[in-house]
Amino acid sequence: MHDGQAPSETDSRPTVLAEISREMVRLYKEQFGRGPTKTRTALAGLDIVIVTLENSLTPAERRLAEMGEHQRLRDTRLYFQHATESQFKGVIERLLERKVRAFISGIDTREDISSEVFYLEPAKQSS
């Protein structure tokens, strides 16, 4: 993963993906006061990282969902994600040593599942 190259079959991919998951849980705890209880990180091809986080709603957010205030809840969550976008992107850039060119965050408030999707700059080819 060094020098911007794509991961090889012998690299520490599972360790790096687990570390990304841990860092996302940490950020969620900082942002929302509690972290998700289930998290997984996967590579979608060479240039996309998808982090799935489940059961991250706070008790107050659960009440909003129960009241049918799904759009308000989504708007609030996405506002906080946007406010700290650089922190989320920074985790990926530090751990994968690749620049993030786009970051997309989403949440299904009925199922309490969030996703953080990172589109990476293309890997530099070794000479």
N, C-alpha and C. Protein backbone atom coordinates (compact mmCIF):
# COMPACT_ATOMS: atom_id res chain seq x y z
N MET A 1 0.80 -1.19 0.00
CA MET A 1 0.00 0.00 0.00
C MET A 1 0.85 1.25 0.00
N HIS A 2 2.12 1.09 0.04
CA HIS A 2 2.99 2.25 0.04
C HIS A 2 3.19 2.77 -1.37
N ASP A 3 3.64 4.00 -1.48
CA ASP A 3 3.92 4.65 -2.76
C ASP A 3 2.68 4.74 -3.64
N GLY A 4 1.49 4.73 -3.04
CA GLY A 4 0.26 4.88 -3.81
C GLY A 4 -0.11 3.67 -4.63
N GLN A 5 0.57 2.56 -4.45
CA GLN A 5 0.27 1.37 -5.23
C GLN A 5 -0.97 0.69 -4.69
N ALA A 6 -1.62 -0.06 -5.55
CA ALA A 6 -2.78 -0.84 -5.12
C ALA A 6 -2.33 -1.93 -4.17
N PRO A 7 -3.17 -2.36 -3.25
CA PRO A 7 -2.80 -3.42 -2.32
C PRO A 7 -2.46 -4.71 -3.07
N SER A 8 -1.51 -5.44 -2.53
CA SER A 8 -1.17 -6.74 -3.12
C SER A 8 -1.84 -7.82 -2.30
N GLU A 9 -1.80 -9.04 -2.79
CA GLU A 9 -2.43 -10.15 -2.08
C GLU A 9 -1.72 -10.46 -0.77
N THR A 10 -0.46 -10.04 -0.62
CA THR A 10 0.29 -10.38 0.58
C THR A 10 0.37 -9.22 1.58
N ASP A 11 -0.33 -8.12 1.30
CA ASP A 11 -0.26 -6.98 2.21
C ASP A 11 -1.11 -7.23 3.45
N SER A 12 -1.24 -6.22 4.26
CA SER A 12 -1.98 -6.35 5.52
C SER A 12 -3.41 -5.82 5.35
N ARG A 13 -4.05 -6.13 4.23
CA ARG A 13 -5.39 -5.61 3.93
C ARG A 13 -6.39 -5.86 5.06
N PRO A 14 -6.53 -7.08 5.59
CA PRO A 14 -7.50 -7.26 6.68
C PRO A 14 -7.20 -6.36 7.89
N THR A 15 -5.94 -6.20 8.21
CA THR A 15 -5.55 -5.36 9.34
C THR A 15 -5.91 -3.90 9.06
N VAL A 16 -5.63 -3.42 7.86
CA VAL A 16 -5.93 -2.03 7.50
C VAL A 16 -7.44 -1.81 7.47
N LEU A 17 -8.19 -2.73 6.92
CA LEU A 17 -9.65 -2.58 6.88
C LEU A 17 -10.23 -2.58 8.29
N ALA A 18 -9.70 -3.42 9.17
CA ALA A 18 -10.15 -3.44 10.56
C ALA A 18 -9.81 -2.12 11.25
N GLU A 19 -8.66 -1.57 10.95
CA GLU A 19 -8.27 -0.28 11.55
C GLU A 19 -9.17 0.85 11.05
N ILE A 20 -9.53 0.82 9.77
CA ILE A 20 -10.47 1.82 9.25
C ILE A 20 -11.79 1.71 10.01
N SER A 21 -12.28 0.49 10.21
CA SER A 21 -13.53 0.30 10.96
C SER A 21 -13.41 0.87 12.37
N ARG A 22 -12.30 0.59 13.05
CA ARG A 22 -12.11 1.12 14.41
C ARG A 22 -12.10 2.64 14.42
N GLU A 23 -11.43 3.23 13.45
CA GLU A 23 -11.36 4.70 13.38
C GLU A 23 -12.73 5.31 13.08
N MET A 24 -13.52 4.66 12.25
CA MET A 24 -14.87 5.17 11.97
C MET A 24 -15.74 5.10 13.22
N VAL A 25 -15.62 4.02 14.00
CA VAL A 25 -16.35 3.91 15.26
C VAL A 25 -15.94 5.04 16.19
N ARG A 26 -14.63 5.31 16.27
CA ARG A 26 -14.13 6.39 17.11
C ARG A 26 -14.73 7.74 16.68
N LEU A 27 -14.74 8.01 15.39
CA LEU A 27 -15.31 9.27 14.89
C LEU A 27 -16.80 9.37 15.20
N TYR A 28 -17.52 8.28 15.03
CA TYR A 28 -18.95 8.29 15.35
C TYR A 28 -19.16 8.59 16.83
N LYS A 29 -18.33 7.98 17.69
CA LYS A 29 -18.46 8.25 19.13
C LYS A 29 -18.22 9.72 19.42
N GLU A 30 -17.21 10.31 18.77
CA GLU A 30 -16.93 11.73 18.96
C GLU A 30 -18.08 12.58 18.45
N GLN A 31 -18.62 12.23 17.29
CA GLN A 31 -19.67 13.03 16.64
C GLN A 31 -21.01 12.94 17.35
N PHE A 32 -21.42 11.71 17.66
CA PHE A 32 -22.79 11.48 18.08
C PHE A 32 -22.94 11.00 19.52
N GLY A 33 -21.83 10.78 20.21
CA GLY A 33 -21.91 10.37 21.60
C GLY A 33 -21.96 8.87 21.80
N ARG A 34 -22.12 8.13 20.73
CA ARG A 34 -22.07 6.67 20.80
C ARG A 34 -21.65 6.15 19.44
N GLY A 35 -20.99 5.01 19.46
CA GLY A 35 -20.55 4.40 18.22
C GLY A 35 -21.46 3.27 17.82
N PRO A 36 -21.35 2.84 16.59
CA PRO A 36 -22.15 1.71 16.12
C PRO A 36 -21.73 0.42 16.81
N THR A 37 -22.63 -0.56 16.85
CA THR A 37 -22.29 -1.85 17.46
C THR A 37 -21.78 -2.84 16.43
N LYS A 38 -21.96 -2.54 15.15
CA LYS A 38 -21.47 -3.43 14.09
C LYS A 38 -20.90 -2.55 12.97
N THR A 39 -19.68 -2.86 12.57
CA THR A 39 -19.01 -2.08 11.53
C THR A 39 -18.22 -3.02 10.65
N ARG A 40 -18.22 -2.73 9.35
CA ARG A 40 -17.34 -3.48 8.45
C ARG A 40 -16.89 -2.56 7.33
N THR A 41 -15.67 -2.80 6.88
CA THR A 41 -15.07 -2.00 5.82
C THR A 41 -14.68 -2.94 4.69
N ALA A 42 -14.97 -2.52 3.47
CA ALA A 42 -14.66 -3.35 2.31
C ALA A 42 -14.12 -2.48 1.18
N LEU A 43 -13.31 -3.07 0.36
CA LEU A 43 -12.85 -2.42 -0.86
C LEU A 43 -13.79 -2.82 -1.98
N ALA A 44 -14.20 -1.85 -2.77
CA ALA A 44 -15.02 -2.12 -3.96
C ALA A 44 -14.13 -1.77 -5.15
N GLY A 45 -13.39 -2.74 -5.62
CA GLY A 45 -12.40 -2.47 -6.65
C GLY A 45 -11.17 -1.85 -6.01
N LEU A 46 -10.38 -1.20 -6.82
CA LEU A 46 -9.13 -0.63 -6.33
C LEU A 46 -9.26 0.78 -5.76
N ASP A 47 -10.36 1.47 -6.09
CA ASP A 47 -10.43 2.89 -5.76
C ASP A 47 -11.63 3.31 -4.93
N ILE A 48 -12.36 2.36 -4.34
CA ILE A 48 -13.53 2.69 -3.54
C ILE A 48 -13.48 1.93 -2.22
N VAL A 49 -13.69 2.66 -1.12
CA VAL A 49 -13.76 2.06 0.21
C VAL A 49 -15.17 2.30 0.73
N ILE A 50 -15.82 1.23 1.20
CA ILE A 50 -17.17 1.34 1.75
C ILE A 50 -17.15 0.88 3.20
N VAL A 51 -17.59 1.77 4.08
CA VAL A 51 -17.70 1.44 5.50
C VAL A 51 -19.18 1.40 5.84
N THR A 52 -19.63 0.26 6.40
CA THR A 52 -21.01 0.09 6.81
C THR A 52 -21.05 0.06 8.33
N LEU A 53 -21.93 0.87 8.91
CA LEU A 53 -22.03 1.00 10.37
C LEU A 53 -23.48 0.79 10.77
N GLU A 54 -23.70 -0.10 11.73
CA GLU A 54 -25.07 -0.41 12.15
C GLU A 54 -25.27 -0.11 13.63
N ASN A 55 -26.51 0.27 13.95
CA ASN A 55 -26.92 0.55 15.32
C ASN A 55 -26.10 1.70 15.92
N SER A 56 -26.19 2.84 15.29
CA SER A 56 -25.44 4.01 15.78
C SER A 56 -26.34 5.13 16.28
N LEU A 57 -27.66 4.99 16.14
CA LEU A 57 -28.54 6.07 16.58
C LEU A 57 -28.53 6.22 18.10
N THR A 58 -28.54 7.45 18.55
CA THR A 58 -28.64 7.73 19.98
C THR A 58 -30.09 7.52 20.42
N PRO A 59 -30.35 7.43 21.72
CA PRO A 59 -31.74 7.31 22.17
C PRO A 59 -32.64 8.44 21.66
N ALA A 60 -32.16 9.66 21.66
CA ALA A 60 -32.96 10.79 21.17
C ALA A 60 -33.24 10.64 19.67
N GLU A 61 -32.24 10.17 18.91
CA GLU A 61 -32.45 9.97 17.47
C GLU A 61 -33.45 8.84 17.22
N ARG A 62 -33.40 7.80 18.04
CA ARG A 62 -34.39 6.71 17.91
C ARG A 62 -35.80 7.24 18.12
N ARG A 63 -35.96 8.16 19.08
CA ARG A 63 -37.28 8.76 19.32
C ARG A 63 -37.74 9.54 18.09
N LEU A 64 -36.82 10.29 17.47
CA LEU A 64 -37.17 11.01 16.23
C LEU A 64 -37.65 10.03 15.16
N ALA A 65 -36.93 8.92 15.02
CA ALA A 65 -37.32 7.92 14.02
C ALA A 65 -38.71 7.36 14.35
N GLU A 66 -38.95 7.06 15.62
CA GLU A 66 -40.25 6.54 16.04
C GLU A 66 -41.37 7.53 15.76
N MET A 67 -41.05 8.83 15.83
CA MET A 67 -42.03 9.88 15.56
C MET A 67 -42.23 10.11 14.06
N GLY A 68 -41.45 9.38 13.24
CA GLY A 68 -41.56 9.54 11.79
C GLY A 68 -40.74 10.69 11.24
N GLU A 69 -39.83 11.24 12.03
CA GLU A 69 -39.02 12.39 11.63
C GLU A 69 -37.73 11.93 10.91
N HIS A 70 -37.90 11.06 9.93
CA HIS A 70 -36.75 10.47 9.25
C HIS A 70 -35.94 11.50 8.46
N GLN A 71 -36.61 12.40 7.76
CA GLN A 71 -35.87 13.39 6.98
C GLN A 71 -35.09 14.34 7.89
N ARG A 72 -35.70 14.77 8.98
CA ARG A 72 -35.02 15.64 9.94
C ARG A 72 -33.78 14.94 10.49
N LEU A 73 -33.92 13.66 10.81
CA LEU A 73 -32.81 12.87 11.34
C LEU A 73 -31.70 12.72 10.31
N ARG A 74 -32.07 12.42 9.06
CA ARG A 74 -31.07 12.32 7.99
C ARG A 74 -30.35 13.64 7.79
N ASP A 75 -31.10 14.73 7.76
CA ASP A 75 -30.50 16.05 7.56
C ASP A 75 -29.50 16.37 8.67
N THR A 76 -29.88 16.07 9.92
CA THR A 76 -28.99 16.35 11.05
C THR A 76 -27.71 15.53 10.95
N ARG A 77 -27.86 14.24 10.70
CA ARG A 77 -26.68 13.37 10.58
C ARG A 77 -25.76 13.83 9.44
N LEU A 78 -26.33 14.11 8.29
CA LEU A 78 -25.51 14.51 7.15
C LEU A 78 -24.84 15.86 7.39
N TYR A 79 -25.48 16.74 8.13
CA TYR A 79 -24.87 18.02 8.46
C TYR A 79 -23.62 17.81 9.31
N PHE A 80 -23.71 16.93 10.31
CA PHE A 80 -22.54 16.64 11.14
C PHE A 80 -21.44 15.95 10.34
N GLN A 81 -21.81 15.05 9.44
CA GLN A 81 -20.82 14.39 8.59
C GLN A 81 -20.08 15.42 7.75
N HIS A 82 -20.84 16.33 7.15
CA HIS A 82 -20.23 17.36 6.30
C HIS A 82 -19.31 18.27 7.13
N ALA A 83 -19.71 18.58 8.35
CA ALA A 83 -18.93 19.49 9.19
C ALA A 83 -17.56 18.90 9.54
N THR A 84 -17.44 17.59 9.55
CA THR A 84 -16.16 16.96 9.90
C THR A 84 -15.64 16.06 8.77
N GLU A 85 -15.99 16.40 7.57
CA GLU A 85 -15.57 15.63 6.39
C GLU A 85 -14.06 15.41 6.37
N SER A 86 -13.30 16.43 6.71
CA SER A 86 -11.84 16.30 6.65
C SER A 86 -11.32 15.23 7.60
N GLN A 87 -11.98 15.05 8.75
CA GLN A 87 -11.56 14.01 9.68
C GLN A 87 -11.83 12.62 9.11
N PHE A 88 -12.99 12.44 8.50
CA PHE A 88 -13.32 11.15 7.89
C PHE A 88 -12.36 10.83 6.75
N LYS A 89 -12.14 11.80 5.87
CA LYS A 89 -11.22 11.59 4.75
C LYS A 89 -9.80 11.36 5.26
N GLY A 90 -9.43 12.05 6.33
CA GLY A 90 -8.08 11.93 6.88
C GLY A 90 -7.76 10.52 7.33
N VAL A 91 -8.73 9.82 7.90
CA VAL A 91 -8.52 8.43 8.33
C VAL A 91 -8.12 7.58 7.13
N ILE A 92 -8.87 7.68 6.06
CA ILE A 92 -8.61 6.87 4.87
C ILE A 92 -7.26 7.23 4.26
N GLU A 93 -7.00 8.53 4.13
CA GLU A 93 -5.75 8.97 3.52
C GLU A 93 -4.54 8.52 4.33
N ARG A 94 -4.65 8.57 5.64
CA ARG A 94 -3.54 8.15 6.50
C ARG A 94 -3.32 6.64 6.43
N LEU A 95 -4.38 5.88 6.52
CA LEU A 95 -4.24 4.43 6.60
C LEU A 95 -3.95 3.77 5.25
N LEU A 96 -4.50 4.33 4.18
CA LEU A 96 -4.28 3.74 2.85
C LEU A 96 -3.20 4.45 2.04
N GLU A 97 -2.76 5.60 2.55
CA GLU A 97 -1.75 6.40 1.85
C GLU A 97 -2.20 6.71 0.43
N ARG A 98 -3.49 7.05 0.32
CA ARG A 98 -4.11 7.44 -0.94
C ARG A 98 -4.98 8.65 -0.69
N LYS A 99 -5.05 9.56 -1.63
CA LYS A 99 -5.88 10.75 -1.50
C LYS A 99 -7.34 10.40 -1.80
N VAL A 100 -8.24 10.91 -0.97
CA VAL A 100 -9.67 10.74 -1.19
C VAL A 100 -10.14 11.87 -2.10
N ARG A 101 -10.77 11.51 -3.21
CA ARG A 101 -11.25 12.55 -4.13
C ARG A 101 -12.71 12.88 -3.89
N ALA A 102 -13.47 11.96 -3.28
CA ALA A 102 -14.88 12.22 -2.96
C ALA A 102 -15.29 11.39 -1.76
N PHE A 103 -16.20 11.96 -0.97
CA PHE A 103 -16.71 11.32 0.24
C PHE A 103 -18.23 11.45 0.23
N ILE A 104 -18.93 10.32 0.35
CA ILE A 104 -20.38 10.32 0.36
C ILE A 104 -20.85 9.59 1.61
N SER A 105 -21.77 10.22 2.33
CA SER A 105 -22.27 9.66 3.57
C SER A 105 -23.78 9.49 3.46
N GLY A 106 -24.30 8.39 3.99
CA GLY A 106 -25.74 8.18 3.95
C GLY A 106 -26.21 7.38 5.14
N ILE A 107 -27.52 7.45 5.41
CA ILE A 107 -28.09 6.70 6.53
C ILE A 107 -29.51 6.26 6.18
N ASP A 108 -29.84 5.04 6.55
CA ASP A 108 -31.21 4.55 6.51
C ASP A 108 -31.70 4.61 7.95
N THR A 109 -32.55 5.58 8.25
CA THR A 109 -32.97 5.82 9.63
C THR A 109 -33.98 4.78 10.11
N ARG A 110 -34.61 4.06 9.21
CA ARG A 110 -35.55 3.01 9.62
C ARG A 110 -34.80 1.76 10.08
N GLU A 111 -33.71 1.44 9.41
CA GLU A 111 -32.93 0.25 9.73
C GLU A 111 -31.71 0.55 10.60
N ASP A 112 -31.41 1.84 10.81
CA ASP A 112 -30.23 2.26 11.58
C ASP A 112 -28.94 1.69 10.99
N ILE A 113 -28.80 1.91 9.69
CA ILE A 113 -27.59 1.51 8.97
C ILE A 113 -27.06 2.74 8.25
N SER A 114 -25.76 3.01 8.47
CA SER A 114 -25.10 4.13 7.80
C SER A 114 -24.02 3.60 6.88
N SER A 115 -23.68 4.42 5.89
CA SER A 115 -22.55 4.06 5.03
C SER A 115 -21.70 5.30 4.79
N GLU A 116 -20.42 5.05 4.74
CA GLU A 116 -19.45 6.08 4.40
C GLU A 116 -18.70 5.52 3.20
N VAL A 117 -18.75 6.23 2.09
CA VAL A 117 -18.12 5.77 0.86
C VAL A 117 -17.04 6.76 0.47
N PHE A 118 -15.85 6.23 0.22
CA PHE A 118 -14.69 7.05 -0.12
C PHE A 118 -14.21 6.65 -1.51
N TYR A 119 -14.16 7.61 -2.42
CA TYR A 119 -13.61 7.40 -3.75
C TYR A 119 -12.19 7.92 -3.74
N LEU A 120 -11.25 7.05 -4.08
CA LEU A 120 -9.84 7.38 -4.01
C LEU A 120 -9.33 7.85 -5.37
N GLU A 121 -8.30 8.70 -5.32
CA GLU A 121 -7.59 9.05 -6.54
C GLU A 121 -7.00 7.76 -7.11
N PRO A 122 -6.87 7.66 -8.42
CA PRO A 122 -6.29 6.45 -8.99
C PRO A 122 -4.88 6.20 -8.42
N ALA A 123 -4.58 4.93 -8.24
CA ALA A 123 -3.25 4.55 -7.72
C ALA A 123 -2.20 4.87 -8.77
N LYS A 124 -1.06 5.33 -8.28
CA LYS A 124 0.06 5.59 -9.19
C LYS A 124 0.68 4.27 -9.60
N GLN A 125 0.96 4.15 -10.86
CA GLN A 125 1.57 2.93 -11.37
C GLN A 125 3.07 2.97 -11.11
N SER A 126 3.64 1.85 -10.67
CA SER A 126 5.10 1.80 -10.44
C SER A 126 5.80 1.66 -11.77
N SER A 127 6.98 2.24 -11.85
CA SER A 127 7.74 2.21 -13.11
C SER A 127 8.53 0.95 -13.25
